[in-house]
Amino acid sequence: MKKPTKKQETKGLLKDPKKIKRIVWRIGLVALIIFGIWSCLWTRPIVAYPYYFVKCGFILPVVGGFESYHLPGQKRYTFYGFRYFCTEQEAREAGYSKYILGE
């Protein structure tokens, strides 16, 4: 059996600097995409809630969840929501029903 030459020994996935660079760039790109999607999901309510607070005349907005809406003063009322409404009527017209378990 022949002994491998130096050129053959250095061939491999982790010994080629160009391949390492490509792998690091790809991992970084995937991480950046995942972080971008995640941050958009969590920062949207933080930006939208104050906007609707001012839009509704400085009254706490009605927050729409999955299929129900939450009123200010209810047990599970939070500013994290998918939709915001100024009145209960707007929420009902959009197809949401009142959250009744948190009263």
PDB file of N, CA and C in Angstrom:
ATOM      1  N   MET A   1       0.835  -1.171   0.000  1.00  0.00           N
ATOM      2  CA  MET A   1       0.000   0.000   0.000  1.00  0.00           C
ATOM      3  C   MET A   1       0.886   1.241   0.000  1.00  0.00           C
ATOM      4  N   LYS A   2       0.521   2.205  -0.849  1.00  0.00           N
ATOM      5  CA  LYS A   2       1.314   3.428  -0.947  1.00  0.00           C
ATOM      6  C   LYS A   2       0.995   4.378   0.188  1.00  0.00           C
ATOM      7  N   LYS A   3       2.020   5.103   0.600  1.00  0.00           N
ATOM      8  CA  LYS A   3       1.841   6.120   1.619  1.00  0.00           C
ATOM      9  C   LYS A   3       1.258   7.366   0.949  1.00  0.00           C
ATOM     10  N   PRO A   4       0.196   8.005   1.514  1.00  0.00           N
ATOM     11  CA  PRO A   4      -0.398   9.170   0.865  1.00  0.00           C
ATOM     12  C   PRO A   4       0.576  10.349   0.842  1.00  0.00           C
ATOM     13  N   THR A   5       0.521  11.081  -0.251  1.00  0.00           N
ATOM     14  CA  THR A   5       1.373  12.263  -0.374  1.00  0.00           C
ATOM     15  C   THR A   5       0.762  13.413   0.421  1.00  0.00           C
ATOM     16  N   LYS A   6       1.540  14.496   0.573  1.00  0.00           N
ATOM     17  CA  LYS A   6       1.059  15.642   1.345  1.00  0.00           C
ATOM     18  C   LYS A   6      -0.192  16.247   0.732  1.00  0.00           C
ATOM     19  N   LYS A   7      -0.238  16.283  -0.605  1.00  0.00           N
ATOM     20  CA  LYS A   7      -1.386  16.855  -1.287  1.00  0.00           C
ATOM     21  C   LYS A   7      -2.648  16.054  -0.984  1.00  0.00           C
ATOM     22  N   GLN A   8      -2.551  14.751  -0.945  1.00  0.00           N
ATOM     23  CA  GLN A   8      -3.691  13.899  -0.664  1.00  0.00           C
ATOM     24  C   GLN A   8      -4.101  13.990   0.809  1.00  0.00           C
ATOM     25  N   GLU A   9      -3.145  14.193   1.710  1.00  0.00           N
ATOM     26  CA  GLU A   9      -3.453  14.273   3.132  1.00  0.00           C
ATOM     27  C   GLU A   9      -4.268  15.525   3.454  1.00  0.00           C
ATOM     28  N   THR A  10      -3.995  16.621   2.771  1.00  0.00           N
ATOM     29  CA  THR A  10      -4.673  17.881   3.087  1.00  0.00           C
ATOM     30  C   THR A  10      -6.058  17.968   2.468  1.00  0.00           C
ATOM     31  N   LYS A  11      -6.417  17.056   1.592  1.00  0.00           N
ATOM     32  CA  LYS A  11      -7.758  17.076   1.021  1.00  0.00           C
ATOM     33  C   LYS A  11      -8.743  16.547   2.046  1.00  0.00           C
ATOM     34  N   GLY A  12      -9.800  17.276   2.232  1.00  0.00           N
ATOM     35  CA  GLY A  12     -10.834  16.893   3.183  1.00  0.00           C
ATOM     36  C   GLY A  12     -11.752  18.080   3.403  1.00  0.00           C
ATOM     37  N   LEU A  13     -12.875  17.821   4.011  1.00  0.00           N
ATOM     38  CA  LEU A  13     -13.880  18.864   4.200  1.00  0.00           C
ATOM     39  C   LEU A  13     -13.387  19.981   5.114  1.00  0.00           C
ATOM     40  N   LEU A  14     -12.778  19.637   6.230  1.00  0.00           N
ATOM     41  CA  LEU A  14     -12.392  20.658   7.196  1.00  0.00           C
ATOM     42  C   LEU A  14     -10.967  21.169   7.006  1.00  0.00           C
ATOM     43  N   LYS A  15     -10.249  20.659   6.057  1.00  0.00           N
ATOM     44  CA  LYS A  15      -8.882  21.123   5.860  1.00  0.00           C
ATOM     45  C   LYS A  15      -8.767  22.121   4.719  1.00  0.00           C
ATOM     46  N   ASP A  16      -9.834  22.292   3.952  1.00  0.00           N
ATOM     47  CA  ASP A  16      -9.823  23.246   2.842  1.00  0.00           C
ATOM     48  C   ASP A  16     -10.416  24.572   3.345  1.00  0.00           C
ATOM     49  N   PRO A  17      -9.627  25.655   3.371  1.00  0.00           N
ATOM     50  CA  PRO A  17     -10.135  26.932   3.897  1.00  0.00           C
ATOM     51  C   PRO A  17     -11.325  27.483   3.121  1.00  0.00           C
ATOM     52  N   LYS A  18     -11.383  27.239   1.823  1.00  0.00           N
ATOM     53  CA  LYS A  18     -12.513  27.733   1.031  1.00  0.00           C
ATOM     54  C   LYS A  18     -13.810  27.030   1.430  1.00  0.00           C
ATOM     55  N   LYS A  19     -13.728  25.716   1.663  1.00  0.00           N
ATOM     56  CA  LYS A  19     -14.920  24.971   2.073  1.00  0.00           C
ATOM     57  C   LYS A  19     -15.377  25.398   3.466  1.00  0.00           C
ATOM     58  N   ILE A  20     -14.434  25.628   4.350  1.00  0.00           N
ATOM     59  CA  ILE A  20     -14.784  26.091   5.698  1.00  0.00           C
ATOM     60  C   ILE A  20     -15.475  27.440   5.618  1.00  0.00           C
ATOM     61  N   LYS A  21     -14.948  28.314   4.795  1.00  0.00           N
ATOM     62  CA  LYS A  21     -15.530  29.643   4.637  1.00  0.00           C
ATOM     63  C   LYS A  21     -16.959  29.549   4.102  1.00  0.00           C
ATOM     64  N   ARG A  22     -17.182  28.686   3.119  1.00  0.00           N
ATOM     65  CA  ARG A  22     -18.528  28.506   2.568  1.00  0.00           C
ATOM     66  C   ARG A  22     -19.496  27.972   3.621  1.00  0.00           C
ATOM     67  N   ILE A  23     -19.044  27.009   4.412  1.00  0.00           N
ATOM     68  CA  ILE A  23     -19.893  26.428   5.454  1.00  0.00           C
ATOM     69  C   ILE A  23     -20.256  27.493   6.486  1.00  0.00           C
ATOM     70  N   VAL A  24     -19.279  28.282   6.916  1.00  0.00           N
ATOM     71  CA  VAL A  24     -19.534  29.332   7.908  1.00  0.00           C
ATOM     72  C   VAL A  24     -20.501  30.364   7.349  1.00  0.00           C
ATOM     73  N   TRP A  25     -20.345  30.764   6.107  1.00  0.00           N
ATOM     74  CA  TRP A  25     -21.247  31.736   5.483  1.00  0.00           C
ATOM     75  C   TRP A  25     -22.671  31.189   5.402  1.00  0.00           C
ATOM     76  N   ARG A  26     -22.805  29.919   5.041  1.00  0.00           N
ATOM     77  CA  ARG A  26     -24.142  29.329   4.937  1.00  0.00           C
ATOM     78  C   ARG A  26     -24.826  29.235   6.303  1.00  0.00           C
ATOM     79  N   ILE A  27     -24.075  28.812   7.312  1.00  0.00           N
ATOM     80  CA  ILE A  27     -24.640  28.738   8.661  1.00  0.00           C
ATOM     81  C   ILE A  27     -25.033  30.130   9.137  1.00  0.00           C
ATOM     82  N   GLY A  28     -24.185  31.115   8.882  1.00  0.00           N
ATOM     83  CA  GLY A  28     -24.490  32.485   9.266  1.00  0.00           C
ATOM     84  C   GLY A  28     -25.719  33.020   8.558  1.00  0.00           C
ATOM     85  N   LEU A  29     -25.867  32.714   7.286  1.00  0.00           N
ATOM     86  CA  LEU A  29     -27.024  33.171   6.520  1.00  0.00           C
ATOM     87  C   LEU A  29     -28.316  32.554   7.049  1.00  0.00           C
ATOM     88  N   VAL A  30     -28.288  31.262   7.324  1.00  0.00           N
ATOM     89  CA  VAL A  30     -29.468  30.590   7.872  1.00  0.00           C
ATOM     90  C   VAL A  30     -29.814  31.177   9.240  1.00  0.00           C
ATOM     91  N   ALA A  31     -28.807  31.408  10.081  1.00  0.00           N
ATOM     92  CA  ALA A  31     -29.052  31.990  11.401  1.00  0.00           C
ATOM     93  C   ALA A  31     -29.635  33.390  11.278  1.00  0.00           C
ATOM     94  N   LEU A  32     -29.145  34.168  10.334  1.00  0.00           N
ATOM     95  CA  LEU A  32     -29.655  35.522  10.121  1.00  0.00           C
ATOM     96  C   LEU A  32     -31.109  35.503   9.657  1.00  0.00           C
ATOM     97  N   ILE A  33     -31.453  34.586   8.781  1.00  0.00           N
ATOM     98  CA  ILE A  33     -32.838  34.466   8.303  1.00  0.00           C
ATOM     99  C   ILE A  33     -33.755  34.062   9.452  1.00  0.00           C
ATOM    100  N   ILE A  34     -33.337  33.077  10.227  1.00  0.00           N
ATOM    101  CA  ILE A  34     -34.155  32.626  11.360  1.00  0.00           C
ATOM    102  C   ILE A  34     -34.331  33.752  12.371  1.00  0.00           C
ATOM    103  N   PHE A  35     -33.251  34.466  12.690  1.00  0.00           N
ATOM    104  CA  PHE A  35     -33.346  35.577  13.643  1.00  0.00           C
ATOM    105  C   PHE A  35     -34.237  36.687  13.099  1.00  0.00           C
ATOM    106  N   GLY A  36     -34.159  36.960  11.795  1.00  0.00           N
ATOM    107  CA  GLY A  36     -34.995  37.993  11.194  1.00  0.00           C
ATOM    108  C   GLY A  36     -36.468  37.659  11.292  1.00  0.00           C
ATOM    109  N   ILE A  37     -36.810  36.419  11.012  1.00  0.00           N
ATOM    110  CA  ILE A  37     -38.213  35.997  11.114  1.00  0.00           C
ATOM    111  C   ILE A  37     -38.671  36.054  12.562  1.00  0.00           C
ATOM    112  N   TRP A  38     -37.852  35.562  13.478  1.00  0.00           N
ATOM    113  CA  TRP A  38     -38.206  35.540  14.886  1.00  0.00           C
ATOM    114  C   TRP A  38     -38.376  36.954  15.435  1.00  0.00           C
ATOM    115  N   SER A  39     -37.454  37.850  15.074  1.00  0.00           N
ATOM    116  CA  SER A  39     -37.533  39.208  15.611  1.00  0.00           C
ATOM    117  C   SER A  39     -38.746  39.957  15.064  1.00  0.00           C
ATOM    118  N   CYS A  40     -39.135  39.690  13.821  1.00  0.00           N
ATOM    119  CA  CYS A  40     -40.324  40.342  13.268  1.00  0.00           C
ATOM    120  C   CYS A  40     -41.580  39.905  14.017  1.00  0.00           C
ATOM    121  N   LEU A  41     -41.637  38.647  14.414  1.00  0.00           N
ATOM    122  CA  LEU A  41     -42.809  38.154  15.128  1.00  0.00           C
ATOM    123  C   LEU A  41     -42.944  38.792  16.505  1.00  0.00           C
ATOM    124  N   TRP A  42     -41.813  39.091  17.147  1.00  0.00           N
ATOM    125  CA  TRP A  42     -41.864  39.635  18.495  1.00  0.00           C
ATOM    126  C   TRP A  42     -41.831  41.146  18.550  1.00  0.00           C
ATOM    127  N   THR A  43     -41.279  41.805  17.547  1.00  0.00           N
ATOM    128  CA  THR A  43     -41.198  43.262  17.602  1.00  0.00           C
ATOM    129  C   THR A  43     -42.418  43.937  17.000  1.00  0.00           C
ATOM    130  N   ARG A  44     -43.187  43.262  16.160  1.00  0.00           N
ATOM    131  CA  ARG A  44     -44.362  43.885  15.568  1.00  0.00           C
ATOM    132  C   ARG A  44     -45.349  44.364  16.617  1.00  0.00           C
ATOM    133  N   PRO A  45     -45.715  43.547  17.628  1.00  0.00           N
ATOM    134  CA  PRO A  45     -46.637  44.050  18.637  1.00  0.00           C
ATOM    135  C   PRO A  45     -46.084  45.236  19.414  1.00  0.00           C
ATOM    136  N   ILE A  46     -44.793  45.266  19.653  1.00  0.00           N
ATOM    137  CA  ILE A  46     -44.188  46.360  20.408  1.00  0.00           C
ATOM    138  C   ILE A  46     -44.320  47.666  19.635  1.00  0.00           C
ATOM    139  N   VAL A  47     -44.278  47.601  18.320  1.00  0.00           N
ATOM    140  CA  VAL A  47     -44.413  48.800  17.492  1.00  0.00           C
ATOM    141  C   VAL A  47     -45.880  49.128  17.237  1.00  0.00           C
ATOM    142  N   ALA A  48     -46.720  48.126  17.017  1.00  0.00           N
ATOM    143  CA  ALA A  48     -48.113  48.349  16.639  1.00  0.00           C
ATOM    144  C   ALA A  48     -48.975  48.809  17.810  1.00  0.00           C
ATOM    145  N   TYR A  49     -48.716  48.336  19.010  1.00  0.00           N
ATOM    146  CA  TYR A  49     -49.559  48.672  20.156  1.00  0.00           C
ATOM    147  C   TYR A  49     -49.577  50.182  20.432  1.00  0.00           C
ATOM    148  N   PRO A  50     -48.421  50.860  20.527  1.00  0.00           N
ATOM    149  CA  PRO A  50     -48.474  52.318  20.748  1.00  0.00           C
ATOM    150  C   PRO A  50     -49.155  53.070  19.611  1.00  0.00           C
ATOM    151  N   TYR A  51     -48.998  52.582  18.382  1.00  0.00           N
ATOM    152  CA  TYR A  51     -49.653  53.215  17.235  1.00  0.00           C
ATOM    153  C   TYR A  51     -51.173  53.172  17.407  1.00  0.00           C
ATOM    154  N   TYR A  52     -51.712  52.004  17.769  1.00  0.00           N
ATOM    155  CA  TYR A  52     -53.161  51.875  17.948  1.00  0.00           C
ATOM    156  C   TYR A  52     -53.638  52.599  19.202  1.00  0.00           C
ATOM    157  N   PHE A  53     -52.788  52.716  20.206  1.00  0.00           N
ATOM    158  CA  PHE A  53     -53.136  53.469  21.403  1.00  0.00           C
ATOM    159  C   PHE A  53     -53.400  54.927  21.038  1.00  0.00           C
ATOM    160  N   VAL A  54     -52.560  55.503  20.194  1.00  0.00           N
ATOM    161  CA  VAL A  54     -52.741  56.883  19.742  1.00  0.00           C
ATOM    162  C   VAL A  54     -53.899  56.966  18.749  1.00  0.00           C
ATOM    163  N   LYS A  55     -53.981  55.999  17.835  1.00  0.00           N
ATOM    164  CA  LYS A  55     -55.041  55.997  16.818  1.00  0.00           C
ATOM    165  C   LYS A  55     -56.429  55.922  17.450  1.00  0.00           C
ATOM    166  N   CYS A  56     -56.561  55.190  18.539  1.00  0.00           N
ATOM    167  CA  CYS A  56     -57.855  55.008  19.195  1.00  0.00           C
ATOM    168  C   CYS A  56     -58.178  56.141  20.167  1.00  0.00           C
ATOM    169  N   GLY A  57     -57.424  57.188  20.155  1.00  0.00           N
ATOM    170  CA  GLY A  57     -57.705  58.324  21.025  1.00  0.00           C
ATOM    171  C   GLY A  57     -57.202  58.122  22.443  1.00  0.00           C
ATOM    172  N   PHE A  58     -56.042  57.512  22.587  1.00  0.00           N
ATOM    173  CA  PHE A  58     -55.400  57.267  23.873  1.00  0.00           C
ATOM    174  C   PHE A  58     -56.253  56.386  24.788  1.00  0.00           C
ATOM    175  N   ILE A  59     -56.971  55.459  24.157  1.00  0.00           N
ATOM    176  CA  ILE A  59     -57.734  54.431  24.870  1.00  0.00           C
ATOM    177  C   ILE A  59     -57.058  53.100  24.550  1.00  0.00           C
ATOM    178  N   LEU A  60     -56.937  52.233  25.533  1.00  0.00           N
ATOM    179  CA  LEU A  60     -56.297  50.941  25.293  1.00  0.00           C
ATOM    180  C   LEU A  60     -57.052  50.177  24.207  1.00  0.00           C
ATOM    181  N   PRO A  61     -56.339  49.681  23.195  1.00  0.00           N
ATOM    182  CA  PRO A  61     -57.026  48.990  22.100  1.00  0.00           C
ATOM    183  C   PRO A  61     -57.482  47.587  22.482  1.00  0.00           C
ATOM    184  N   VAL A  62     -58.432  47.087  21.710  1.00  0.00           N
ATOM    185  CA  VAL A  62     -58.891  45.708  21.830  1.00  0.00           C
ATOM    186  C   VAL A  62     -57.877  44.856  21.076  1.00  0.00           C
ATOM    187  N   VAL A  63     -57.385  43.807  21.715  1.00  0.00           N
ATOM    188  CA  VAL A  63     -56.334  42.981  21.122  1.00  0.00           C
ATOM    189  C   VAL A  63     -56.934  41.670  20.632  1.00  0.00           C
ATOM    190  N   GLY A  64     -56.720  41.364  19.335  1.00  0.00           N
ATOM    191  CA  GLY A  64     -57.220  40.127  18.757  1.00  0.00           C
ATOM    192  C   GLY A  64     -56.174  39.039  18.794  1.00  0.00           C
ATOM    193  N   GLY A  65     -56.565  37.883  19.296  1.00  0.00           N
ATOM    194  CA  GLY A  65     -55.662  36.733  19.351  1.00  0.00           C
ATOM    195  C   GLY A  65     -55.903  35.821  18.161  1.00  0.00           C
ATOM    196  N   PHE A  66     -55.993  34.512  18.413  1.00  0.00           N
ATOM    197  CA  PHE A  66     -56.219  33.561  17.329  1.00  0.00           C
ATOM    198  C   PHE A  66     -57.639  33.691  16.780  1.00  0.00           C
ATOM    199  N   GLU A  67     -58.641  33.467  17.618  1.00  0.00           N
ATOM    200  CA  GLU A  67     -60.035  33.565  17.169  1.00  0.00           C
ATOM    201  C   GLU A  67     -60.861  34.452  18.087  1.00  0.00           C
ATOM    202  N   SER A  68     -60.261  34.971  19.133  1.00  0.00           N
ATOM    203  CA  SER A  68     -60.999  35.791  20.082  1.00  0.00           C
ATOM    204  C   SER A  68     -60.252  37.093  20.335  1.00  0.00           C
ATOM    205  N   TYR A  69     -60.972  38.043  20.897  1.00  0.00           N
ATOM    206  CA  TYR A  69     -60.347  39.312  21.233  1.00  0.00           C
ATOM    207  C   TYR A  69     -60.398  39.518  22.746  1.00  0.00           C
ATOM    208  N   HIS A  70     -59.446  40.286  23.240  1.00  0.00           N
ATOM    209  CA  HIS A  70     -59.327  40.557  24.667  1.00  0.00           C
ATOM    210  C   HIS A  70     -59.562  42.037  24.908  1.00  0.00           C
ATOM    211  N   LEU A  71     -60.301  42.336  25.959  1.00  0.00           N
ATOM    212  CA  LEU A  71     -60.604  43.712  26.323  1.00  0.00           C
ATOM    213  C   LEU A  71     -59.663  44.171  27.430  1.00  0.00           C
ATOM    214  N   PRO A  72     -59.384  45.473  27.479  1.00  0.00           N
ATOM    215  CA  PRO A  72     -58.583  45.983  28.591  1.00  0.00           C
ATOM    216  C   PRO A  72     -59.284  45.683  29.914  1.00  0.00           C
ATOM    217  N   GLY A  73     -58.535  45.204  30.889  1.00  0.00           N
ATOM    218  CA  GLY A  73     -59.100  44.852  32.182  1.00  0.00           C
ATOM    219  C   GLY A  73     -59.356  43.366  32.339  1.00  0.00           C
ATOM    220  N   GLN A  74     -59.364  42.626  31.237  1.00  0.00           N
ATOM    221  CA  GLN A  74     -59.538  41.177  31.339  1.00  0.00           C
ATOM    222  C   GLN A  74     -58.254  40.552  31.878  1.00  0.00           C
ATOM    223  N   LYS A  75     -58.399  39.348  32.412  1.00  0.00           N
ATOM    224  CA  LYS A  75     -57.285  38.665  33.065  1.00  0.00           C
ATOM    225  C   LYS A  75     -56.089  38.458  32.123  1.00  0.00           C
ATOM    226  N   ARG A  76     -56.333  38.060  30.906  1.00  0.00           N
ATOM    227  CA  ARG A  76     -55.248  37.742  29.973  1.00  0.00           C
ATOM    228  C   ARG A  76     -54.970  38.835  28.950  1.00  0.00           C
ATOM    229  N   TYR A  77     -55.367  40.044  29.248  1.00  0.00           N
ATOM    230  CA  TYR A  77     -55.118  41.158  28.315  1.00  0.00           C
ATOM    231  C   TYR A  77     -53.622  41.454  28.282  1.00  0.00           C
ATOM    232  N   THR A  78     -53.054  41.503  27.099  1.00  0.00           N
ATOM    233  CA  THR A  78     -51.644  41.827  26.905  1.00  0.00           C
ATOM    234  C   THR A  78     -51.498  42.559  25.586  1.00  0.00           C
ATOM    235  N   PHE A  79     -50.419  43.263  25.416  1.00  0.00           N
ATOM    236  CA  PHE A  79     -50.257  43.998  24.165  1.00  0.00           C
ATOM    237  C   PHE A  79     -49.751  43.120  23.029  1.00  0.00           C
ATOM    238  N   TYR A  80     -49.392  41.860  23.302  1.00  0.00           N
ATOM    239  CA  TYR A  80     -48.998  40.948  22.225  1.00  0.00           C
ATOM    240  C   TYR A  80     -50.260  40.392  21.573  1.00  0.00           C
ATOM    241  N   GLY A  81     -50.463  40.716  20.333  1.00  0.00           N
ATOM    242  CA  GLY A  81     -51.622  40.216  19.616  1.00  0.00           C
ATOM    243  C   GLY A  81     -51.363  40.208  18.119  1.00  0.00           C
ATOM    244  N   PHE A  82     -52.286  39.628  17.391  1.00  0.00           N
ATOM    245  CA  PHE A  82     -52.158  39.576  15.938  1.00  0.00           C
ATOM    246  C   PHE A  82     -52.819  40.775  15.280  1.00  0.00           C
ATOM    247  N   ARG A  83     -53.914  41.237  15.861  1.00  0.00           N
ATOM    248  CA  ARG A  83     -54.655  42.382  15.327  1.00  0.00           C
ATOM    249  C   ARG A  83     -55.048  43.283  16.473  1.00  0.00           C
ATOM    250  N   TYR A  84     -55.227  44.551  16.154  1.00  0.00           N
ATOM    251  CA  TYR A  84     -55.653  45.524  17.153  1.00  0.00           C
ATOM    252  C   TYR A  84     -56.865  46.266  16.616  1.00  0.00           C
ATOM    253  N   PHE A  85     -57.817  46.544  17.509  1.00  0.00           N
ATOM    254  CA  PHE A  85     -59.041  47.241  17.129  1.00  0.00           C
ATOM    255  C   PHE A  85     -59.314  48.319  18.156  1.00  0.00           C
ATOM    256  N   CYS A  86     -59.992  49.377  17.732  1.00  0.00           N
ATOM    257  CA  CYS A  86     -60.352  50.457  18.654  1.00  0.00           C
ATOM    258  C   CYS A  86     -61.617  50.129  19.438  1.00  0.00           C
ATOM    259  N   THR A  87     -62.526  49.375  18.859  1.00  0.00           N
ATOM    260  CA  THR A  87     -63.783  49.049  19.528  1.00  0.00           C
ATOM    261  C   THR A  87     -64.076  47.556  19.415  1.00  0.00           C
ATOM    262  N   GLU A  88     -64.986  47.104  20.276  1.00  0.00           N
ATOM    263  CA  GLU A  88     -65.429  45.710  20.205  1.00  0.00           C
ATOM    264  C   GLU A  88     -66.149  45.441  18.883  1.00  0.00           C
ATOM    265  N   GLN A  89     -66.890  46.423  18.423  1.00  0.00           N
ATOM    266  CA  GLN A  89     -67.646  46.277  17.172  1.00  0.00           C
ATOM    267  C   GLN A  89     -66.709  45.969  16.008  1.00  0.00           C
ATOM    268  N   GLU A  90     -65.587  46.677  15.920  1.00  0.00           N
ATOM    269  CA  GLU A  90     -64.604  46.417  14.852  1.00  0.00           C
ATOM    270  C   GLU A  90     -64.088  44.984  14.938  1.00  0.00           C
ATOM    271  N   ALA A  91     -63.823  44.511  16.147  1.00  0.00           N
ATOM    272  CA  ALA A  91     -63.317  43.149  16.329  1.00  0.00           C
ATOM    273  C   ALA A  91     -64.355  42.119  15.897  1.00  0.00           C
ATOM    274  N   ARG A  92     -65.626  42.342  16.253  1.00  0.00           N
ATOM    275  CA  ARG A  92     -66.684  41.411  15.852  1.00  0.00           C
ATOM    276  C   ARG A  92     -66.870  41.395  14.340  1.00  0.00           C
ATOM    277  N   GLU A  93     -66.791  42.567  13.715  1.00  0.00           N
ATOM    278  CA  GLU A  93     -66.931  42.643  12.252  1.00  0.00           C
ATOM    279  C   GLU A  93     -65.786  41.937  11.542  1.00  0.00           C
ATOM    280  N   ALA A  94     -64.622  41.871  12.172  1.00  0.00           N
ATOM    281  CA  ALA A  94     -63.475  41.181  11.576  1.00  0.00           C
ATOM    282  C   ALA A  94     -63.538  39.674  11.789  1.00  0.00           C
ATOM    283  N   GLY A  95     -64.558  39.197  12.516  1.00  0.00           N
ATOM    284  CA  GLY A  95     -64.731  37.754  12.685  1.00  0.00           C
ATOM    285  C   GLY A  95     -64.223  37.208  14.007  1.00  0.00           C
ATOM    286  N   TYR A  96     -63.878  38.067  14.943  1.00  0.00           N
ATOM    287  CA  TYR A  96     -63.396  37.621  16.244  1.00  0.00           C
ATOM    288  C   TYR A  96     -64.568  37.539  17.220  1.00  0.00           C
ATOM    289  N   SER A  97     -64.447  36.661  18.208  1.00  0.00           N
ATOM    290  CA  SER A  97     -65.458  36.567  19.256  1.00  0.00           C
ATOM    291  C   SER A  97     -64.811  36.951  20.581  1.00  0.00           C
ATOM    292  N   LYS A  98     -65.643  37.352  21.541  1.00  0.00           N
ATOM    293  CA  LYS A  98     -65.124  37.827  22.817  1.00  0.00           C
ATOM    294  C   LYS A  98     -64.546  36.672  23.635  1.00  0.00           C
ATOM    295  N   TYR A  99     -63.398  36.903  24.244  1.00  0.00           N
ATOM    296  CA  TYR A  99     -62.769  35.923  25.121  1.00  0.00           C
ATOM    297  C   TYR A  99     -63.506  35.957  26.450  1.00  0.00           C
ATOM    298  N   ILE A 100     -64.226  34.873  26.787  1.00  0.00           N
ATOM    299  CA  ILE A 100     -65.086  34.890  27.982  1.00  0.00           C
ATOM    300  C   ILE A 100     -64.487  34.151  29.168  1.00  0.00           C
ATOM    301  N   LEU A 101     -63.408  33.413  28.994  1.00  0.00           N
ATOM    302  CA  LEU A 101     -62.833  32.651  30.094  1.00  0.00           C
ATOM    303  C   LEU A 101     -62.052  33.531  31.068  1.00  0.00           C
ATOM    304  N   GLY A 102     -61.628  34.709  30.635  1.00  0.00           N
ATOM    305  CA  GLY A 102     -60.785  35.545  31.483  1.00  0.00           C
ATOM    306  C   GLY A 102     -61.531  36.567  32.289  1.00  0.00           C
ATOM    307  N   GLU A 103     -62.829  36.442  32.415  1.00  0.00           N
ATOM    308  CA  GLU A 103     -63.587  37.457  33.170  1.00  0.00           C
ATOM    309  C   GLU A 103     -63.624  37.149  34.634  1.00  0.00           C
TER     310      GLU A 103
END
